[in-house]
Amino acid sequence: MAVRPFLLSALWITASPMLALAGPLATFTLAPEIAAIVPQCASACLGTFLEANYSPLLCGTQPSLRCLCPQVGIGGFTLGEGALACLVLETDRGACVGMGINCKAEPRSYPG
């Protein structure tokens, strides 16, 4: 179980030094195509992930899948990795209860 908190922490810690250099964060709005595939319980987290990892100059403040998918954020993570981390995080803290989401990362999923 210690692997999951480490990976989630690494996701945010990696971006932290860049945030100091980036200045004020832009407010991102999830495009309808992204909002349709990311559960509502994880959407605020994903918006924060986008703000911390992507410049609005890259794809705008309502970026599309077409623009974001091939990109790697300044923390070294893709949109999909950020979405998965948000889903696991929000599920673990109970924000997705009653939504039919079962998102459990097993410690054995990662070697080491």
Protein backbone atom coordinates (compact mmCIF):
# COMPACT_ATOMS: atom_id res chain seq x y z
CA MET A 1 0.00 0.00 0.00
CA ALA A 2 2.98 2.34 0.46
CA VAL A 3 3.59 2.40 -3.30
CA ARG A 4 0.36 4.23 -4.14
CA PRO A 5 0.88 7.24 -1.82
CA PHE A 6 4.46 7.46 -3.02
CA LEU A 7 3.42 7.57 -6.68
CA LEU A 8 0.72 10.15 -6.04
CA SER A 9 3.11 12.25 -3.99
CA ALA A 10 5.72 12.00 -6.73
CA LEU A 11 3.17 13.27 -9.24
CA TRP A 12 2.59 16.49 -7.29
CA ILE A 13 6.09 16.91 -5.85
CA THR A 14 7.62 16.72 -9.31
CA ALA A 15 5.53 19.69 -10.40
CA SER A 16 6.09 21.77 -7.26
CA PRO A 17 9.44 23.31 -8.19
CA MET A 18 8.05 24.29 -11.58
CA LEU A 19 5.08 26.03 -9.99
CA ALA A 20 7.34 28.55 -8.32
CA LEU A 21 8.82 29.42 -11.71
CA ALA A 22 5.53 29.43 -13.59
CA GLY A 23 3.86 32.25 -11.67
CA PRO A 24 0.09 32.41 -11.23
CA LEU A 25 -1.79 29.36 -12.42
CA ALA A 26 -4.30 29.58 -15.24
CA THR A 27 -7.76 28.25 -14.54
CA PHE A 28 -8.49 25.28 -16.76
CA THR A 29 -11.96 24.10 -17.72
CA LEU A 30 -12.30 20.49 -18.77
CA ALA A 31 -13.44 20.25 -22.39
CA PRO A 32 -16.73 18.36 -22.77
CA GLU A 33 -14.90 15.42 -24.39
CA ILE A 34 -12.63 15.10 -21.34
CA ALA A 35 -15.41 15.72 -18.81
CA ALA A 36 -17.43 12.92 -20.47
CA ILE A 37 -14.77 10.30 -19.68
CA VAL A 38 -13.49 11.55 -16.31
CA PRO A 39 -15.86 10.89 -13.41
CA GLN A 40 -17.22 14.05 -11.78
CA CYS A 41 -15.58 13.10 -8.47
CA ALA A 42 -12.12 13.40 -10.10
CA SER A 43 -12.70 16.42 -12.35
CA ALA A 44 -11.57 19.13 -9.88
CA CYS A 45 -8.40 17.17 -9.19
CA LEU A 46 -7.73 16.82 -12.91
CA GLY A 47 -8.24 20.57 -13.38
CA THR A 48 -5.63 21.18 -10.69
CA PHE A 49 -3.31 18.67 -12.36
CA LEU A 50 -3.67 20.54 -15.67
CA GLU A 51 -3.00 23.88 -13.98
CA ALA A 52 0.13 22.52 -12.32
CA ASN A 53 1.51 20.70 -15.37
CA TYR A 54 0.46 22.45 -18.57
CA SER A 55 0.77 26.00 -19.83
CA PRO A 56 -2.42 27.53 -21.21
CA LEU A 57 -0.24 28.72 -24.10
CA LEU A 58 0.11 25.09 -25.20
CA CYS A 59 -3.56 24.18 -25.75
CA GLY A 60 -5.61 27.01 -24.22
CA THR A 61 -7.60 26.97 -20.97
CA GLN A 62 -10.15 24.44 -22.28
CA PRO A 63 -7.78 22.01 -23.97
CA SER A 64 -8.98 19.17 -26.15
CA LEU A 65 -7.92 15.54 -26.02
CA ARG A 66 -6.38 15.95 -29.45
CA CYS A 67 -4.07 18.66 -28.15
CA LEU A 68 -3.27 17.25 -24.69
CA CYS A 69 -2.88 13.52 -25.35
CA PRO A 70 0.47 13.69 -27.13
CA GLN A 71 1.86 16.18 -24.58
CA VAL A 72 3.88 15.47 -21.45
CA GLY A 73 3.40 17.96 -18.62
CA ILE A 74 6.23 19.77 -16.88
CA GLY A 75 6.10 17.17 -14.10
CA GLY A 76 6.77 14.40 -16.63
CA PHE A 77 3.25 12.97 -16.62
CA THR A 78 0.64 12.70 -19.37
CA LEU A 79 -3.04 13.61 -19.17
CA GLY A 80 -3.94 9.93 -18.80
CA GLU A 81 -1.51 9.44 -15.93
CA GLY A 82 -2.89 12.53 -14.21
CA ALA A 83 -6.47 11.37 -14.70
CA LEU A 84 -5.67 7.94 -13.27
CA ALA A 85 -3.82 9.45 -10.28
CA CYS A 86 -6.80 11.74 -9.60
CA LEU A 87 -9.25 8.87 -9.83
CA VAL A 88 -7.22 6.73 -7.41
CA LEU A 89 -6.74 9.68 -5.03
CA GLU A 90 -10.41 10.69 -5.01
CA THR A 91 -11.56 7.08 -4.67
CA ASP A 92 -9.21 6.57 -1.72
CA ARG A 93 -10.52 9.66 0.05
CA GLY A 94 -14.13 8.59 -0.49
CA ALA A 95 -15.19 11.25 -3.00
CA CYS A 96 -16.42 8.67 -5.52
CA VAL A 97 -18.61 6.62 -3.17
CA GLY A 98 -21.89 5.56 -4.76
CA MET A 99 -20.67 6.24 -8.30
CA GLY A 100 -19.98 2.59 -9.15
CA ILE A 101 -16.24 3.22 -9.34
CA ASN A 102 -13.87 0.58 -8.02
CA CYS A 103 -10.37 1.91 -8.41
CA LYS A 104 -7.83 0.10 -6.28
CA ALA A 105 -4.14 0.10 -7.06
CA GLU A 106 -2.45 -3.02 -5.82
CA PRO A 107 1.06 -2.74 -4.38
CA ARG A 108 2.15 -5.63 -6.54
CA SER A 109 1.27 -3.65 -9.67
CA TYR A 110 4.73 -2.07 -9.62
CA PRO A 111 7.91 -4.08 -9.23
CA GLY A 112 10.28 -3.11 -6.50
